[in-house]
Amino acid sequence: MNAAALVVAIGFAAMGLAALVRPAFIWAPFGVAPTTPESRSEVRAVYGGFGLAIAALLVLTDGSDTLRDGALVAVAVSLFGMAAGRLVSALVEPRTLLRSPGFFLVLEVGLAALTLAAR
């Protein structure tokens, strides 16, 4: 497996596992605590299930150039989409970029670029 794709897969797997085991850990940097079973379920589904699915996609499509290319583009577009959402939010509330959302914006753009480089 390409080293760049492996780094991205490990990142998504780590996020996914953390969300499944400790949902509060995922939202803590944003000052939010999932205090109800429903909110913890949402964290486990969106961050946990999605993270592990993306990691599996990157690993399982590694043997096929065509599938791998499509998977890498889809993951990069997803990451760029998250970053774009943060930029839109920053237009409405500029101070958000001074905190955790700014860090994650940079991380998402970096991982998206790394994912495209893995192609």
Protein backbone atom coordinates (compact mmCIF):
# COMPACT_ATOMS: atom_id res chain seq x y z
CA MET A 1 0.00 0.00 0.00
CA ASN A 2 1.15 3.50 -0.83
CA ALA A 3 2.55 5.22 2.29
CA ALA A 4 0.42 8.34 1.81
CA ALA A 5 -2.78 6.32 1.51
CA LEU A 6 -1.75 4.28 4.54
CA VAL A 7 -1.33 7.45 6.64
CA VAL A 8 -4.81 8.61 5.64
CA ALA A 9 -6.31 5.16 6.31
CA ILE A 10 -4.69 5.02 9.75
CA GLY A 11 -6.03 8.50 10.54
CA PHE A 12 -9.58 7.52 9.63
CA ALA A 13 -9.27 4.22 11.52
CA ALA A 14 -8.03 6.04 14.63
CA MET A 15 -10.90 8.51 14.45
CA GLY A 16 -13.37 5.69 13.92
CA LEU A 17 -12.12 3.58 16.79
CA ALA A 18 -11.98 6.57 19.14
CA ALA A 19 -15.55 7.52 18.26
CA LEU A 20 -16.83 4.01 18.86
CA VAL A 21 -15.04 3.59 22.19
CA ARG A 22 -15.16 7.15 23.58
CA PRO A 23 -17.67 9.36 21.73
CA ALA A 24 -17.02 12.31 24.07
CA PHE A 25 -13.37 12.41 22.95
CA ILE A 26 -14.39 13.32 19.41
CA TRP A 27 -16.51 16.33 20.29
CA ALA A 28 -14.42 17.58 23.25
CA PRO A 29 -12.21 19.92 21.16
CA PHE A 30 -15.38 21.77 20.11
CA GLY A 31 -16.75 22.24 23.61
CA VAL A 32 -19.58 19.77 23.08
CA ALA A 33 -20.34 16.76 25.23
CA PRO A 34 -22.57 13.97 23.92
CA THR A 35 -24.63 13.60 27.09
CA THR A 36 -27.51 11.48 25.79
CA PRO A 37 -27.55 7.98 24.35
CA GLU A 38 -28.84 9.46 21.09
CA SER A 39 -25.94 11.90 20.77
CA ARG A 40 -23.37 9.19 21.54
CA SER A 41 -25.05 6.99 18.94
CA GLU A 42 -24.71 9.83 16.41
CA VAL A 43 -20.98 10.23 17.14
CA ARG A 44 -20.44 6.49 16.85
CA ALA A 45 -22.34 6.37 13.54
CA VAL A 46 -20.99 9.47 11.81
CA TYR A 47 -17.42 9.52 13.09
CA GLY A 48 -16.98 5.88 14.09
CA GLY A 49 -18.74 4.03 11.31
CA PHE A 50 -17.69 6.50 8.63
CA GLY A 51 -14.06 6.57 9.77
CA LEU A 52 -13.74 2.79 9.78
CA ALA A 53 -15.56 2.48 6.45
CA ILE A 54 -13.17 4.95 4.80
CA ALA A 55 -10.15 3.19 6.29
CA ALA A 56 -11.46 -0.16 5.03
CA LEU A 57 -12.18 1.32 1.60
CA LEU A 58 -8.60 2.55 1.26
CA VAL A 59 -7.15 -0.78 2.38
CA LEU A 60 -9.50 -3.04 0.42
CA THR A 61 -9.18 -1.17 -2.89
CA ASP A 62 -5.39 -1.20 -2.77
CA GLY A 63 -5.11 -4.21 -5.10
CA SER A 64 -6.98 -2.59 -7.99
CA ASP A 65 -5.62 0.53 -9.69
CA THR A 66 -9.06 1.53 -10.97
CA LEU A 67 -10.85 1.04 -7.66
CA ARG A 68 -7.99 2.58 -5.69
CA ASP A 69 -8.00 5.70 -7.84
CA GLY A 70 -11.74 6.16 -7.40
CA ALA A 71 -11.53 5.56 -3.66
CA LEU A 72 -8.69 8.06 -3.28
CA VAL A 73 -10.56 10.73 -5.23
CA ALA A 74 -13.75 10.12 -3.22
CA VAL A 75 -11.87 10.40 0.08
CA ALA A 76 -10.05 13.55 -1.05
CA VAL A 77 -13.32 15.15 -2.15
CA SER A 78 -14.89 14.26 1.20
CA LEU A 79 -12.00 15.87 3.07
CA PHE A 80 -12.09 18.98 0.87
CA GLY A 81 -15.85 19.13 1.48
CA MET A 82 -15.32 19.13 5.25
CA ALA A 83 -12.74 21.88 4.90
CA ALA A 84 -15.10 23.90 2.68
CA GLY A 85 -17.79 23.63 5.34
CA ARG A 86 -15.35 25.03 7.88
CA LEU A 87 -14.52 27.92 5.54
CA VAL A 88 -18.19 28.75 5.11
CA SER A 89 -18.59 28.65 8.87
CA ALA A 90 -15.58 30.97 9.23
CA LEU A 91 -17.28 33.50 6.97
CA VAL A 92 -20.22 33.57 9.36
CA GLU A 93 -18.18 33.24 12.56
CA PRO A 94 -14.54 34.16 11.80
CA ARG A 95 -13.21 33.51 15.29
CA THR A 96 -13.91 29.78 14.93
CA LEU A 97 -10.69 29.37 12.95
CA LEU A 98 -8.66 30.46 15.97
CA ARG A 99 -9.64 27.30 17.82
CA SER A 100 -9.99 23.61 17.02
CA PRO A 101 -11.93 24.18 13.76
CA GLY A 102 -8.91 26.02 12.34
CA PHE A 103 -6.63 23.11 13.21
CA PHE A 104 -9.02 20.63 11.64
CA LEU A 105 -9.37 22.80 8.53
CA VAL A 106 -5.61 22.63 7.99
CA LEU A 107 -5.59 18.90 8.79
CA GLU A 108 -8.41 18.16 6.33
CA VAL A 109 -6.80 20.12 3.50
CA GLY A 110 -3.46 18.44 4.22
CA LEU A 111 -4.96 14.95 4.29
CA ALA A 112 -6.94 15.65 1.11
CA ALA A 113 -3.74 16.74 -0.66
CA LEU A 114 -1.93 13.69 0.70
CA THR A 115 -4.75 11.47 -0.54
CA LEU A 116 -4.54 12.95 -4.04
CA ALA A 117 -0.75 12.53 -3.95
CA ALA A 118 -1.29 8.83 -3.28
CA ARG A 119 -2.87 8.46 -6.72
